[in-house]
N, C-alpha and C. Protein backbone atom coordinates (compact mmCIF):
# COMPACT_ATOMS: atom_id res chain seq x y z
N MET A 1 -40.00 -125.99 39.05
CA MET A 1 -39.14 -124.74 38.58
C MET A 1 -39.89 -123.96 37.48
N SER A 2 -40.17 -123.16 37.64
CA SER A 2 -40.85 -122.21 36.51
C SER A 2 -40.28 -122.14 35.29
N LYS A 3 -40.76 -122.20 34.12
CA LYS A 3 -40.09 -122.01 33.02
C LYS A 3 -40.43 -120.64 32.35
N THR A 4 -41.14 -120.03 33.06
CA THR A 4 -41.39 -118.90 32.75
C THR A 4 -40.73 -117.31 33.50
N GLN A 5 -39.51 -117.86 34.39
CA GLN A 5 -39.04 -116.70 35.21
C GLN A 5 -38.58 -115.43 34.51
N ARG A 6 -37.81 -115.89 33.28
CA ARG A 6 -37.19 -114.89 32.46
C ARG A 6 -38.14 -113.98 32.13
N THR A 7 -39.31 -114.73 31.50
CA THR A 7 -40.60 -114.06 30.78
C THR A 7 -41.02 -112.99 31.79
N ARG A 8 -41.11 -113.60 33.06
CA ARG A 8 -41.78 -112.70 34.13
C ARG A 8 -41.01 -111.40 34.27
N GLU A 9 -39.55 -111.58 34.29
CA GLU A 9 -38.78 -110.62 34.46
C GLU A 9 -38.57 -109.55 33.28
N ILE A 10 -38.77 -109.94 32.02
CA ILE A 10 -39.35 -109.18 31.04
C ILE A 10 -40.51 -108.16 30.86
N CYS A 11 -41.54 -109.24 31.35
CA CYS A 11 -42.72 -108.26 31.57
C CYS A 11 -42.88 -107.50 32.93
N ALA A 12 -41.95 -107.45 33.93
CA ALA A 12 -41.97 -106.77 34.77
C ALA A 12 -41.05 -105.42 34.68
N LEU A 13 -40.82 -105.01 33.48
CA LEU A 13 -39.79 -103.94 32.99
C LEU A 13 -40.57 -102.67 32.85
N ALA A 14 -41.67 -102.94 32.59
CA ALA A 14 -42.53 -101.58 32.43
C ALA A 14 -44.23 -102.20 32.60
N PRO A 15 -45.08 -101.35 32.73
CA PRO A 15 -46.46 -101.53 32.96
C PRO A 15 -47.09 -101.84 31.54
N ILE A 16 -46.61 -101.55 30.51
CA ILE A 16 -46.95 -101.83 29.00
C ILE A 16 -46.25 -102.39 28.00
N VAL A 17 -46.39 -103.63 27.57
CA VAL A 17 -45.60 -104.05 26.26
C VAL A 17 -46.11 -103.40 25.43
N PRO A 18 -45.28 -102.69 24.38
CA PRO A 18 -45.99 -102.20 23.11
C PRO A 18 -46.09 -103.53 22.20
N VAL A 19 -47.18 -103.55 21.49
CA VAL A 19 -47.40 -104.72 20.42
C VAL A 19 -47.49 -104.00 19.07
N LEU A 20 -46.35 -104.16 18.19
CA LEU A 20 -46.10 -103.68 17.27
C LEU A 20 -46.25 -104.24 15.92
N VAL A 21 -47.00 -103.78 15.04
CA VAL A 21 -47.16 -104.32 13.61
C VAL A 21 -46.49 -103.23 12.64
N VAL A 22 -45.20 -103.62 12.12
CA VAL A 22 -44.53 -102.57 11.57
C VAL A 22 -44.31 -103.26 10.08
N ASP A 23 -44.89 -102.32 9.17
CA ASP A 23 -44.69 -102.72 7.75
C ASP A 23 -43.45 -102.12 7.33
N ASP A 24 -42.74 -101.41 7.44
CA ASP A 24 -41.34 -100.82 6.83
C ASP A 24 -40.13 -100.99 8.04
N ALA A 25 -39.20 -101.99 7.47
CA ALA A 25 -38.04 -101.96 8.42
C ALA A 25 -37.33 -100.80 8.68
N ALA A 26 -37.45 -99.63 7.86
CA ALA A 26 -36.93 -98.59 8.37
C ALA A 26 -37.28 -97.84 9.36
N HIS A 27 -38.60 -98.22 9.55
CA HIS A 27 -39.16 -97.52 10.77
C HIS A 27 -38.56 -98.35 12.25
N ALA A 28 -38.06 -99.39 12.06
CA ALA A 28 -37.91 -100.23 13.29
C ALA A 28 -36.84 -99.30 14.20
N ARG A 29 -35.78 -98.91 13.80
CA ARG A 29 -34.80 -98.45 14.76
C ARG A 29 -35.36 -97.22 15.54
N PRO A 30 -35.84 -96.27 14.60
CA PRO A 30 -36.37 -95.08 15.44
C PRO A 30 -37.56 -95.27 16.32
N LEU A 31 -38.30 -96.40 16.15
CA LEU A 31 -39.24 -96.60 16.85
C LEU A 31 -39.09 -97.21 18.14
N ALA A 32 -38.13 -98.37 18.05
CA ALA A 32 -37.81 -98.80 19.22
C ALA A 32 -36.89 -97.92 20.13
N GLU A 33 -36.12 -96.83 19.56
CA GLU A 33 -35.60 -96.01 20.19
C GLU A 33 -36.55 -94.87 21.13
N ALA A 34 -37.36 -94.56 20.18
CA ALA A 34 -38.36 -93.51 21.05
C ALA A 34 -39.31 -94.41 22.01
N LEU A 35 -39.64 -95.63 21.95
CA LEU A 35 -40.41 -96.46 23.18
C LEU A 35 -39.48 -96.77 24.25
N VAL A 36 -38.10 -97.03 23.89
CA VAL A 36 -37.20 -97.22 25.25
C VAL A 36 -37.10 -96.01 25.77
N ALA A 37 -36.94 -94.66 25.14
CA ALA A 37 -36.41 -93.46 25.48
C ALA A 37 -37.67 -93.12 26.51
N GLY A 38 -38.97 -93.41 25.90
CA GLY A 38 -40.16 -93.17 26.93
C GLY A 38 -40.19 -94.08 27.90
N GLY A 39 -39.63 -95.17 28.04
CA GLY A 39 -39.71 -96.04 29.39
C GLY A 39 -40.22 -97.38 29.42
N LEU A 40 -40.45 -97.74 27.82
CA LEU A 40 -41.23 -98.98 27.53
C LEU A 40 -40.17 -99.99 26.90
N PRO A 41 -39.24 -100.70 27.49
CA PRO A 41 -38.08 -101.40 26.89
C PRO A 41 -38.49 -102.79 26.39
N ALA A 42 -39.57 -103.47 26.82
CA ALA A 42 -39.87 -104.62 26.37
C ALA A 42 -40.92 -104.56 25.03
N LEU A 43 -40.46 -104.90 23.87
CA LEU A 43 -41.15 -104.87 22.74
C LEU A 43 -41.48 -105.88 21.80
N GLU A 44 -42.89 -105.94 21.76
CA GLU A 44 -43.29 -107.21 20.98
C GLU A 44 -43.47 -106.98 19.52
N VAL A 45 -42.92 -107.36 18.76
CA VAL A 45 -42.97 -107.10 17.13
C VAL A 45 -43.83 -108.34 16.90
N THR A 46 -45.09 -108.11 16.32
CA THR A 46 -45.88 -109.21 15.79
C THR A 46 -45.50 -110.05 14.26
N LEU A 47 -45.50 -111.20 14.07
CA LEU A 47 -44.96 -111.61 12.72
C LEU A 47 -46.20 -111.68 11.88
N ARG A 48 -46.79 -110.46 11.78
CA ARG A 48 -47.86 -110.23 10.93
C ARG A 48 -47.48 -109.56 9.55
N THR A 49 -46.38 -108.96 9.53
CA THR A 49 -45.91 -108.19 8.26
C THR A 49 -44.93 -108.85 7.25
N PRO A 50 -44.45 -108.99 6.16
CA PRO A 50 -43.36 -109.47 5.75
C PRO A 50 -42.21 -109.05 6.17
N ALA A 51 -42.20 -107.58 6.60
CA ALA A 51 -40.90 -107.04 7.25
C ALA A 51 -40.75 -107.24 8.64
N ALA A 52 -41.32 -108.23 9.22
CA ALA A 52 -41.43 -108.46 10.97
C ALA A 52 -39.79 -108.94 11.28
N LEU A 53 -39.34 -109.98 10.35
CA LEU A 53 -38.16 -110.39 10.75
C LEU A 53 -36.97 -109.43 10.60
N ASP A 54 -36.95 -108.58 9.86
CA ASP A 54 -36.10 -107.45 9.67
C ASP A 54 -36.30 -106.36 10.76
N VAL A 55 -37.30 -106.22 10.96
CA VAL A 55 -37.90 -105.37 12.03
C VAL A 55 -37.21 -105.76 13.45
N ILE A 56 -37.36 -107.14 13.88
CA ILE A 56 -36.72 -107.76 14.96
C ILE A 56 -35.28 -107.47 15.08
N ARG A 57 -34.37 -107.65 13.77
CA ARG A 57 -33.28 -107.68 13.70
C ARG A 57 -32.69 -106.08 13.89
N ALA A 58 -33.30 -105.13 13.48
CA ALA A 58 -33.01 -103.59 13.50
C ALA A 58 -33.43 -103.47 15.11
N MET A 59 -34.25 -103.83 15.65
CA MET A 59 -34.54 -103.44 16.92
C MET A 59 -33.85 -104.14 17.96
N ALA A 60 -33.08 -105.23 17.46
CA ALA A 60 -32.37 -106.06 18.57
C ALA A 60 -30.97 -105.28 18.97
N ALA A 61 -30.64 -104.19 17.83
CA ALA A 61 -29.48 -103.56 18.13
C ALA A 61 -29.54 -102.37 19.18
N VAL A 62 -30.92 -102.02 19.33
CA VAL A 62 -31.03 -100.57 20.00
C VAL A 62 -30.85 -100.93 21.76
N PRO A 63 -29.75 -100.21 21.89
CA PRO A 63 -29.36 -100.17 23.54
C PRO A 63 -30.71 -99.81 24.39
N GLY A 64 -30.59 -100.82 25.38
CA GLY A 64 -31.63 -100.62 26.54
C GLY A 64 -32.99 -101.53 26.02
N GLY A 65 -33.15 -102.05 24.81
CA GLY A 65 -34.41 -102.65 24.30
C GLY A 65 -34.44 -104.32 24.56
N VAL A 66 -35.53 -104.84 24.79
CA VAL A 66 -35.53 -106.32 24.72
C VAL A 66 -36.65 -106.54 23.86
N VAL A 67 -36.50 -107.00 22.94
CA VAL A 67 -37.18 -107.33 21.63
C VAL A 67 -37.62 -108.70 21.72
N GLY A 68 -39.06 -109.04 21.26
CA GLY A 68 -39.57 -110.20 21.47
C GLY A 68 -40.48 -110.29 20.00
N ALA A 69 -40.63 -111.52 19.54
CA ALA A 69 -41.59 -112.00 18.56
C ALA A 69 -42.86 -112.21 19.04
N GLY A 70 -43.85 -111.34 18.24
CA GLY A 70 -45.21 -111.99 18.61
C GLY A 70 -45.97 -112.48 17.66
N THR A 71 -47.19 -113.34 17.81
CA THR A 71 -47.53 -114.07 16.83
C THR A 71 -46.97 -115.38 16.53
N LEU A 72 -46.21 -116.03 17.32
CA LEU A 72 -45.54 -117.30 17.14
C LEU A 72 -46.57 -118.41 17.09
N VAL A 73 -46.77 -119.21 15.90
CA VAL A 73 -47.76 -120.09 15.85
C VAL A 73 -47.24 -121.41 15.51
N THR A 74 -45.91 -121.52 14.87
CA THR A 74 -45.39 -122.80 14.27
C THR A 74 -43.83 -122.55 15.00
N PRO A 75 -43.34 -124.13 14.88
CA PRO A 75 -41.95 -123.91 15.29
C PRO A 75 -41.18 -123.48 14.31
N GLU A 76 -41.43 -123.30 12.96
CA GLU A 76 -40.84 -122.37 12.19
C GLU A 76 -40.69 -121.02 12.60
N ASP A 77 -41.92 -120.48 12.94
CA ASP A 77 -41.88 -118.88 13.39
C ASP A 77 -40.89 -119.06 14.66
N VAL A 78 -40.85 -119.80 15.45
CA VAL A 78 -39.99 -119.81 16.68
C VAL A 78 -38.38 -119.71 16.09
N ARG A 79 -37.89 -120.66 15.29
CA ARG A 79 -36.55 -120.57 14.89
C ARG A 79 -36.45 -119.23 14.05
N ALA A 80 -37.13 -118.90 13.31
CA ALA A 80 -36.92 -117.65 12.53
C ALA A 80 -36.86 -116.56 13.42
N ALA A 81 -37.84 -116.20 14.38
CA ALA A 81 -37.57 -115.30 15.19
C ALA A 81 -36.25 -115.18 16.12
N LYS A 82 -35.90 -116.48 16.45
CA LYS A 82 -34.60 -116.52 17.61
C LYS A 82 -33.44 -116.15 16.68
N GLU A 83 -33.52 -116.59 15.41
CA GLU A 83 -32.26 -116.50 14.29
C GLU A 83 -32.32 -114.96 14.28
N ALA A 84 -33.53 -114.04 14.16
CA ALA A 84 -33.40 -112.84 13.71
C ALA A 84 -33.23 -112.00 15.10
N GLY A 85 -32.76 -112.55 16.29
CA GLY A 85 -32.34 -111.81 17.20
C GLY A 85 -33.47 -111.50 18.55
N ALA A 86 -34.67 -112.24 18.40
CA ALA A 86 -35.79 -112.07 19.22
C ALA A 86 -35.20 -112.58 20.84
N GLN A 87 -35.69 -111.93 21.87
CA GLN A 87 -35.20 -112.45 23.21
C GLN A 87 -36.22 -113.06 23.91
N PHE A 88 -37.38 -112.96 23.41
CA PHE A 88 -38.54 -113.62 23.88
C PHE A 88 -39.48 -113.95 22.98
N GLY A 89 -40.70 -114.59 23.22
CA GLY A 89 -41.61 -115.07 22.20
C GLY A 89 -43.01 -115.05 23.07
N VAL A 90 -44.13 -114.52 22.15
CA VAL A 90 -45.53 -114.55 22.62
C VAL A 90 -46.32 -115.24 21.51
N SER A 91 -47.41 -115.88 22.16
CA SER A 91 -48.21 -116.73 21.34
C SER A 91 -49.56 -116.24 21.65
N PRO A 92 -50.51 -116.32 20.71
CA PRO A 92 -51.78 -116.18 20.87
C PRO A 92 -52.37 -117.31 21.78
N GLY A 93 -51.85 -118.86 21.43
CA GLY A 93 -52.58 -119.60 22.25
C GLY A 93 -51.03 -120.48 22.63
N ALA A 94 -51.34 -121.68 22.53
CA ALA A 94 -50.34 -122.86 22.96
C ALA A 94 -50.38 -124.06 22.64
N THR A 95 -49.44 -124.77 21.87
CA THR A 95 -49.42 -126.03 21.29
C THR A 95 -48.25 -126.86 21.97
N ASP A 96 -48.13 -127.96 22.00
CA ASP A 96 -46.73 -128.60 22.28
C ASP A 96 -45.97 -128.62 21.35
N ALA A 97 -46.43 -128.40 20.04
CA ALA A 97 -45.21 -128.42 19.29
C ALA A 97 -44.51 -126.77 19.31
N LEU A 98 -45.50 -125.77 19.52
CA LEU A 98 -44.58 -124.41 19.86
C LEU A 98 -43.86 -124.45 21.28
N ILE A 99 -44.37 -125.19 21.84
CA ILE A 99 -43.74 -125.09 23.42
C ILE A 99 -42.40 -125.65 23.19
N SER A 100 -42.42 -126.99 22.63
CA SER A 100 -41.25 -127.84 22.36
C SER A 100 -40.20 -126.76 21.80
N ALA A 101 -40.55 -126.01 20.55
CA ALA A 101 -39.52 -125.38 19.76
C ALA A 101 -38.88 -124.44 20.73
N CYS A 102 -39.84 -123.52 21.45
CA CYS A 102 -39.12 -122.35 22.04
C CYS A 102 -38.21 -123.00 23.24
N GLU A 103 -38.49 -124.10 23.95
CA GLU A 103 -37.58 -124.86 25.06
C GLU A 103 -36.35 -125.45 24.25
N ALA A 104 -36.47 -126.01 22.81
CA ALA A 104 -35.30 -126.29 22.31
C ALA A 104 -34.43 -125.24 21.82
N GLU A 105 -35.10 -123.88 21.62
CA GLU A 105 -34.24 -122.62 21.06
C GLU A 105 -33.88 -121.70 22.29
N GLY A 106 -34.26 -122.31 23.26
CA GLY A 106 -33.91 -121.40 24.33
C GLY A 106 -34.49 -120.11 24.30
N LEU A 107 -35.76 -120.02 23.84
CA LEU A 107 -36.66 -118.68 23.91
C LEU A 107 -37.82 -118.64 24.59
N PRO A 108 -37.35 -117.75 25.71
CA PRO A 108 -38.39 -117.56 26.84
C PRO A 108 -39.65 -117.21 25.96
N LEU A 109 -40.94 -118.18 26.28
CA LEU A 109 -42.25 -118.06 26.00
C LEU A 109 -43.17 -117.44 26.77
N LEU A 110 -44.04 -116.39 26.38
CA LEU A 110 -45.37 -115.87 27.09
C LEU A 110 -46.59 -116.73 26.16
N PRO A 111 -47.03 -117.67 26.76
CA PRO A 111 -47.91 -118.27 25.72
C PRO A 111 -49.33 -118.00 26.25
N GLY A 112 -50.35 -117.84 25.20
CA GLY A 112 -51.67 -117.41 25.52
C GLY A 112 -52.55 -118.25 25.93
N ALA A 113 -53.37 -118.05 26.93
CA ALA A 113 -54.44 -118.53 27.42
C ALA A 113 -55.68 -117.71 27.66
N ALA A 114 -57.04 -118.26 27.36
CA ALA A 114 -58.17 -117.34 27.70
C ALA A 114 -59.33 -117.77 28.50
N THR A 115 -59.03 -119.23 29.19
CA THR A 115 -59.77 -119.80 30.04
C THR A 115 -59.00 -120.50 31.20
N ALA A 116 -59.88 -121.03 32.29
CA ALA A 116 -59.11 -121.41 33.45
C ALA A 116 -58.30 -123.00 32.87
N SER A 117 -58.92 -123.60 32.06
CA SER A 117 -58.57 -124.80 31.76
C SER A 117 -57.12 -124.62 30.98
N GLU A 118 -57.19 -123.75 30.23
CA GLU A 118 -55.96 -123.49 29.35
C GLU A 118 -54.91 -123.16 30.16
N ALA A 119 -55.11 -122.01 31.21
CA ALA A 119 -54.11 -121.86 31.91
C ALA A 119 -53.53 -122.62 32.97
N MET A 120 -54.48 -123.96 33.36
CA MET A 120 -54.19 -125.05 34.12
C MET A 120 -53.03 -125.98 33.49
N ALA A 121 -53.43 -126.06 31.98
CA ALA A 121 -52.57 -126.85 31.37
C ALA A 121 -51.43 -126.36 31.12
N LEU A 122 -51.28 -124.98 30.86
CA LEU A 122 -49.88 -124.62 30.83
C LEU A 122 -49.29 -124.58 32.00
N LEU A 123 -49.88 -124.37 33.04
CA LEU A 123 -49.08 -124.49 34.70
C LEU A 123 -48.69 -125.85 34.87
N GLU A 124 -49.41 -126.84 34.47
CA GLU A 124 -49.05 -128.16 34.54
C GLU A 124 -47.73 -128.55 33.72
N LYS A 125 -47.45 -127.59 32.76
CA LYS A 125 -46.05 -127.58 31.88
C LYS A 125 -44.97 -126.97 32.60
N GLY A 126 -45.33 -125.96 33.68
CA GLY A 126 -44.08 -125.22 34.07
C GLY A 126 -44.26 -123.68 33.65
N TYR A 127 -45.57 -123.25 33.11
CA TYR A 127 -45.47 -122.03 32.73
C TYR A 127 -46.92 -121.06 33.65
N ASP A 128 -46.03 -120.26 34.52
CA ASP A 128 -47.31 -119.87 35.30
C ASP A 128 -47.07 -118.03 35.04
N MET A 129 -46.66 -117.56 33.88
CA MET A 129 -46.48 -116.10 33.48
C MET A 129 -47.22 -116.44 32.00
N LEU A 130 -48.53 -115.86 32.03
CA LEU A 130 -49.31 -116.29 30.68
C LEU A 130 -49.69 -114.76 30.09
N LYS A 131 -49.86 -115.00 28.90
CA LYS A 131 -50.91 -113.63 28.22
C LYS A 131 -52.38 -114.13 28.17
N PHE A 132 -52.97 -113.38 28.63
CA PHE A 132 -54.53 -113.30 28.48
C PHE A 132 -55.07 -112.80 27.31
N PHE A 133 -55.47 -113.78 26.47
CA PHE A 133 -55.96 -113.50 24.95
C PHE A 133 -57.07 -114.12 24.55
N PRO A 134 -57.85 -113.35 23.85
CA PRO A 134 -58.02 -111.97 23.58
C PRO A 134 -58.78 -111.10 25.02
N ALA A 135 -58.08 -110.14 25.61
CA ALA A 135 -58.63 -110.02 26.95
C ALA A 135 -59.83 -109.45 26.92
N GLU A 136 -59.98 -108.39 26.06
CA GLU A 136 -61.50 -107.91 26.07
C GLU A 136 -62.45 -108.63 25.88
N ALA A 137 -62.39 -109.51 24.35
CA ALA A 137 -63.19 -110.34 23.98
C ALA A 137 -63.63 -111.55 25.08
N SER A 138 -62.54 -111.79 25.64
CA SER A 138 -62.78 -113.03 26.75
C SER A 138 -63.41 -112.45 28.00
N GLY A 139 -63.94 -111.25 28.35
CA GLY A 139 -64.77 -110.67 29.56
C GLY A 139 -63.77 -109.89 30.32
N GLY A 140 -62.68 -109.31 29.65
CA GLY A 140 -62.01 -108.22 30.25
C GLY A 140 -61.43 -108.50 31.80
N ALA A 141 -61.14 -107.49 32.39
CA ALA A 141 -60.77 -107.50 33.66
C ALA A 141 -61.51 -108.25 34.65
N PRO A 142 -62.76 -108.12 34.67
CA PRO A 142 -63.66 -108.92 35.39
C PRO A 142 -63.56 -110.33 35.36
N ALA A 143 -63.08 -110.95 34.07
CA ALA A 143 -62.99 -112.48 33.91
C ALA A 143 -61.50 -112.42 34.11
N LEU A 144 -60.76 -111.94 34.28
CA LEU A 144 -59.03 -112.20 34.53
C LEU A 144 -59.18 -112.15 36.18
N LYS A 145 -59.91 -111.41 36.69
CA LYS A 145 -59.91 -111.22 38.07
C LYS A 145 -60.28 -112.63 38.72
N ALA A 146 -61.60 -113.39 38.00
CA ALA A 146 -62.39 -114.32 38.41
C ALA A 146 -61.19 -115.51 37.96
N ILE A 147 -60.73 -115.58 37.20
CA ILE A 147 -59.64 -116.58 36.82
C ILE A 147 -58.70 -116.73 37.95
N GLY A 148 -58.43 -115.52 38.45
CA GLY A 148 -57.00 -115.44 38.97
C GLY A 148 -57.16 -115.78 40.73
N ALA A 149 -58.73 -115.99 40.99
CA ALA A 149 -59.05 -116.28 42.46
C ALA A 149 -58.59 -117.60 42.70
N PRO A 150 -58.99 -118.61 41.93
CA PRO A 150 -58.60 -120.22 42.34
C PRO A 150 -57.26 -120.59 41.83
N LEU A 151 -56.74 -119.61 40.77
CA LEU A 151 -55.20 -119.75 40.48
C LEU A 151 -54.17 -118.76 40.72
N PRO A 152 -54.03 -118.38 41.78
CA PRO A 152 -53.09 -117.28 42.31
C PRO A 152 -51.72 -117.49 41.99
N GLN A 153 -51.37 -118.74 41.76
CA GLN A 153 -49.70 -118.99 41.32
C GLN A 153 -49.69 -118.49 39.98
N ILE A 154 -50.67 -118.05 38.91
CA ILE A 154 -50.63 -117.87 37.74
C ILE A 154 -50.64 -115.97 37.76
N THR A 155 -49.65 -115.81 36.90
CA THR A 155 -49.65 -114.31 36.54
C THR A 155 -49.95 -114.14 34.89
N PHE A 156 -50.50 -112.73 34.79
CA PHE A 156 -50.67 -112.55 33.25
C PHE A 156 -50.31 -111.29 32.77
N CYS A 157 -50.26 -110.97 31.41
CA CYS A 157 -50.20 -109.91 30.62
C CYS A 157 -51.33 -110.12 29.65
N PRO A 158 -52.52 -109.32 30.12
CA PRO A 158 -53.68 -109.08 29.24
C PRO A 158 -52.98 -108.46 28.04
N THR A 159 -53.80 -108.87 27.02
CA THR A 159 -53.66 -108.38 25.52
C THR A 159 -54.87 -108.37 24.64
N GLY A 160 -55.22 -107.61 23.92
CA GLY A 160 -56.12 -107.43 22.95
C GLY A 160 -57.31 -106.83 23.50
N GLY A 161 -57.44 -105.56 22.85
CA GLY A 161 -58.66 -104.48 23.38
C GLY A 161 -58.20 -103.55 24.66
N VAL A 162 -56.75 -103.70 24.88
CA VAL A 162 -56.40 -103.00 26.00
C VAL A 162 -56.03 -101.62 25.59
N SER A 163 -56.77 -100.60 26.24
CA SER A 163 -56.49 -99.07 25.99
C SER A 163 -56.08 -98.49 27.12
N PRO A 164 -55.81 -96.99 26.91
CA PRO A 164 -55.69 -96.18 27.95
C PRO A 164 -56.82 -96.37 28.84
N SER A 165 -58.11 -96.44 28.35
CA SER A 165 -59.07 -96.27 29.15
C SER A 165 -59.59 -97.33 30.04
N ASN A 166 -59.08 -98.51 29.66
CA ASN A 166 -59.25 -99.64 30.52
C ASN A 166 -58.02 -100.06 31.14
N ALA A 167 -56.88 -100.06 30.53
CA ALA A 167 -55.64 -100.53 31.42
C ALA A 167 -55.00 -100.49 32.81
N ARG A 168 -55.85 -99.55 33.50
CA ARG A 168 -55.60 -99.41 35.08
C ARG A 168 -56.53 -100.44 35.39
N ASP A 169 -57.74 -100.84 34.77
CA ASP A 169 -58.48 -101.79 35.35
C ASP A 169 -57.65 -103.15 35.49
N TYR A 170 -56.97 -103.38 34.36
CA TYR A 170 -56.04 -104.67 34.21
C TYR A 170 -54.85 -104.45 35.29
N LEU A 171 -54.33 -103.40 35.27
CA LEU A 171 -52.99 -103.29 35.85
C LEU A 171 -53.41 -103.31 37.37
N SER A 172 -54.51 -102.96 37.82
CA SER A 172 -54.82 -103.01 39.28
C SER A 172 -54.96 -104.35 39.86
N LEU A 173 -55.22 -105.33 39.04
CA LEU A 173 -55.53 -106.77 39.57
C LEU A 173 -54.05 -107.26 40.13
N SER A 174 -54.23 -108.07 41.34
CA SER A 174 -53.07 -108.63 41.81
C SER A 174 -52.10 -109.72 40.99
N ASN A 175 -53.06 -110.13 39.97
CA ASN A 175 -52.33 -111.45 39.21
C ASN A 175 -51.85 -110.72 37.70
N VAL A 176 -51.73 -109.48 37.33
CA VAL A 176 -51.46 -108.70 36.33
C VAL A 176 -49.84 -108.30 36.54
N VAL A 177 -48.95 -108.82 35.61
CA VAL A 177 -47.44 -108.09 35.85
C VAL A 177 -47.63 -106.75 35.04
N CYS A 178 -48.19 -106.68 33.53
CA CYS A 178 -48.10 -105.89 32.62
C CYS A 178 -49.22 -106.24 31.88
N ALA A 179 -49.30 -105.19 30.50
CA ALA A 179 -50.47 -105.20 29.47
C ALA A 179 -49.93 -105.12 28.39
N GLY A 180 -50.48 -105.83 27.36
CA GLY A 180 -49.92 -105.51 26.09
C GLY A 180 -50.63 -104.79 25.20
N GLY A 181 -50.34 -103.47 24.64
CA GLY A 181 -51.02 -102.54 23.88
C GLY A 181 -50.64 -102.08 22.86
N SER A 182 -51.32 -101.64 21.75
CA SER A 182 -50.80 -101.31 20.45
C SER A 182 -50.75 -99.55 20.39
N TRP A 183 -51.58 -98.86 21.51
CA TRP A 183 -51.75 -97.71 21.11
C TRP A 183 -50.67 -96.78 21.29
N VAL A 184 -49.67 -97.27 21.91
CA VAL A 184 -48.29 -96.55 22.34
C VAL A 184 -47.46 -96.09 20.73
N ALA A 185 -48.05 -96.97 19.56
CA ALA A 185 -47.37 -96.77 18.63
C ALA A 185 -48.40 -96.70 17.33
N PRO A 186 -49.25 -95.75 17.41
CA PRO A 186 -50.17 -95.53 16.35
C PRO A 186 -49.72 -95.63 14.90
N LYS A 187 -50.34 -96.33 14.13
CA LYS A 187 -49.72 -96.52 12.60
C LYS A 187 -49.75 -95.38 12.11
N GLN A 188 -50.32 -94.47 12.00
CA GLN A 188 -50.20 -93.08 11.41
C GLN A 188 -48.85 -92.26 11.73
N MET A 189 -48.62 -92.14 13.33
CA MET A 189 -47.40 -91.75 13.86
C MET A 189 -46.21 -92.15 13.49
N VAL A 190 -46.29 -93.70 13.22
CA VAL A 190 -44.98 -94.39 12.79
C VAL A 190 -44.83 -94.11 11.32
N GLN A 191 -46.05 -93.92 10.62
CA GLN A 191 -45.80 -93.69 8.99
C GLN A 191 -45.26 -92.15 9.09
N GLU A 192 -45.58 -91.60 9.73
CA GLU A 192 -45.03 -90.15 9.80
C GLU A 192 -43.61 -89.68 10.25
N GLY A 193 -43.13 -90.97 10.78
CA GLY A 193 -42.20 -90.78 11.63
C GLY A 193 -42.08 -89.79 12.66
N ASP A 194 -43.30 -89.71 13.70
CA ASP A 194 -43.47 -88.81 14.84
C ASP A 194 -42.99 -89.42 16.10
N TRP A 195 -41.53 -89.74 16.24
CA TRP A 195 -41.27 -90.55 17.23
C TRP A 195 -40.94 -89.70 18.51
N SER A 196 -41.05 -88.22 18.57
CA SER A 196 -41.18 -87.63 19.76
C SER A 196 -42.62 -87.83 20.49
N GLY A 197 -43.71 -88.08 19.26
CA GLY A 197 -44.87 -88.24 19.89
C GLY A 197 -45.21 -89.51 20.43
N ILE A 198 -44.20 -90.53 19.64
CA ILE A 198 -44.39 -91.83 20.45
C ILE A 198 -43.87 -91.98 21.51
N GLU A 199 -42.75 -91.12 21.72
CA GLU A 199 -42.12 -91.36 22.79
C GLU A 199 -43.01 -90.54 24.23
N ALA A 200 -43.88 -89.88 23.77
CA ALA A 200 -44.50 -89.12 24.78
C ALA A 200 -45.56 -89.92 25.22
N LEU A 201 -45.97 -90.74 24.27
CA LEU A 201 -47.23 -91.76 24.52
C LEU A 201 -46.59 -92.93 25.34
N ALA A 202 -45.16 -93.30 25.04
CA ALA A 202 -44.84 -94.39 25.85
C ALA A 202 -44.74 -93.73 27.53
N ARG A 203 -44.15 -92.44 27.57
CA ARG A 203 -43.92 -92.02 28.84
C ARG A 203 -45.05 -91.94 29.89
N GLU A 204 -46.61 -91.59 29.00
CA GLU A 204 -47.72 -91.63 29.51
C GLU A 204 -48.08 -92.84 30.19
N ALA A 205 -47.80 -93.82 29.18
CA ALA A 205 -48.09 -95.46 29.67
C ALA A 205 -47.56 -95.84 30.77
N THR A 206 -45.93 -95.29 30.97
CA THR A 206 -45.37 -95.94 32.18
C THR A 206 -45.93 -95.37 33.49
N HIS A 207 -46.77 -94.28 33.58
CA HIS A 207 -47.57 -93.78 34.72
C HIS A 207 -49.00 -94.65 35.12
N LEU A 208 -49.40 -95.63 34.22
CA LEU A 208 -50.52 -96.21 34.36
C LEU A 208 -50.78 -96.83 35.61
N THR A 209 -49.69 -97.10 36.27
CA THR A 209 -49.65 -97.95 37.63
C THR A 209 -49.52 -96.68 38.76
N ASP A 210 -49.32 -95.34 38.46
CA ASP A 210 -49.13 -94.38 39.54
C ASP A 210 -50.27 -94.34 40.45
């Protein structure tokens, strides 16, 4: 039984999962509304800012959005994210403690792997939808294609260095469901409140698989 069926369903909602670093919780709702309106409903809010949990709380109330917590590292992160309303979790790697915490909280997890051994270890635990991270630093689309050859039962969401210029290289691979990217919510556009601009970037991202 795959423990990542729900995670895969979320990943399959759109070609790009926005990876969001939000400093001000006041930006959360309009940012989520712009991304969802642009066709990107699955949102990863990284726990890299003091505002992150408040951002998740605000985004969780946006109709049509599916909000997850990224940069989960400890069991405490998992519990805080779930309490804030996160519907899935994303981690840069995976530890037994982190996996156990997600399973205890009923939080679907997208765990990170960068090598065949890490992917096989997660597959052994029932996880067959993984985050390939850091994607570009780990060899990019050619590396992910190579890992996929002997492990066709595992699918991935590459994240880390994915951009409009290389996203199609990843999305064209048979073992890629979606990719994580931060370019759809540039820091300056968020700070300026350019929600229509962000919606346009999101809409462009939905066409990367055309």
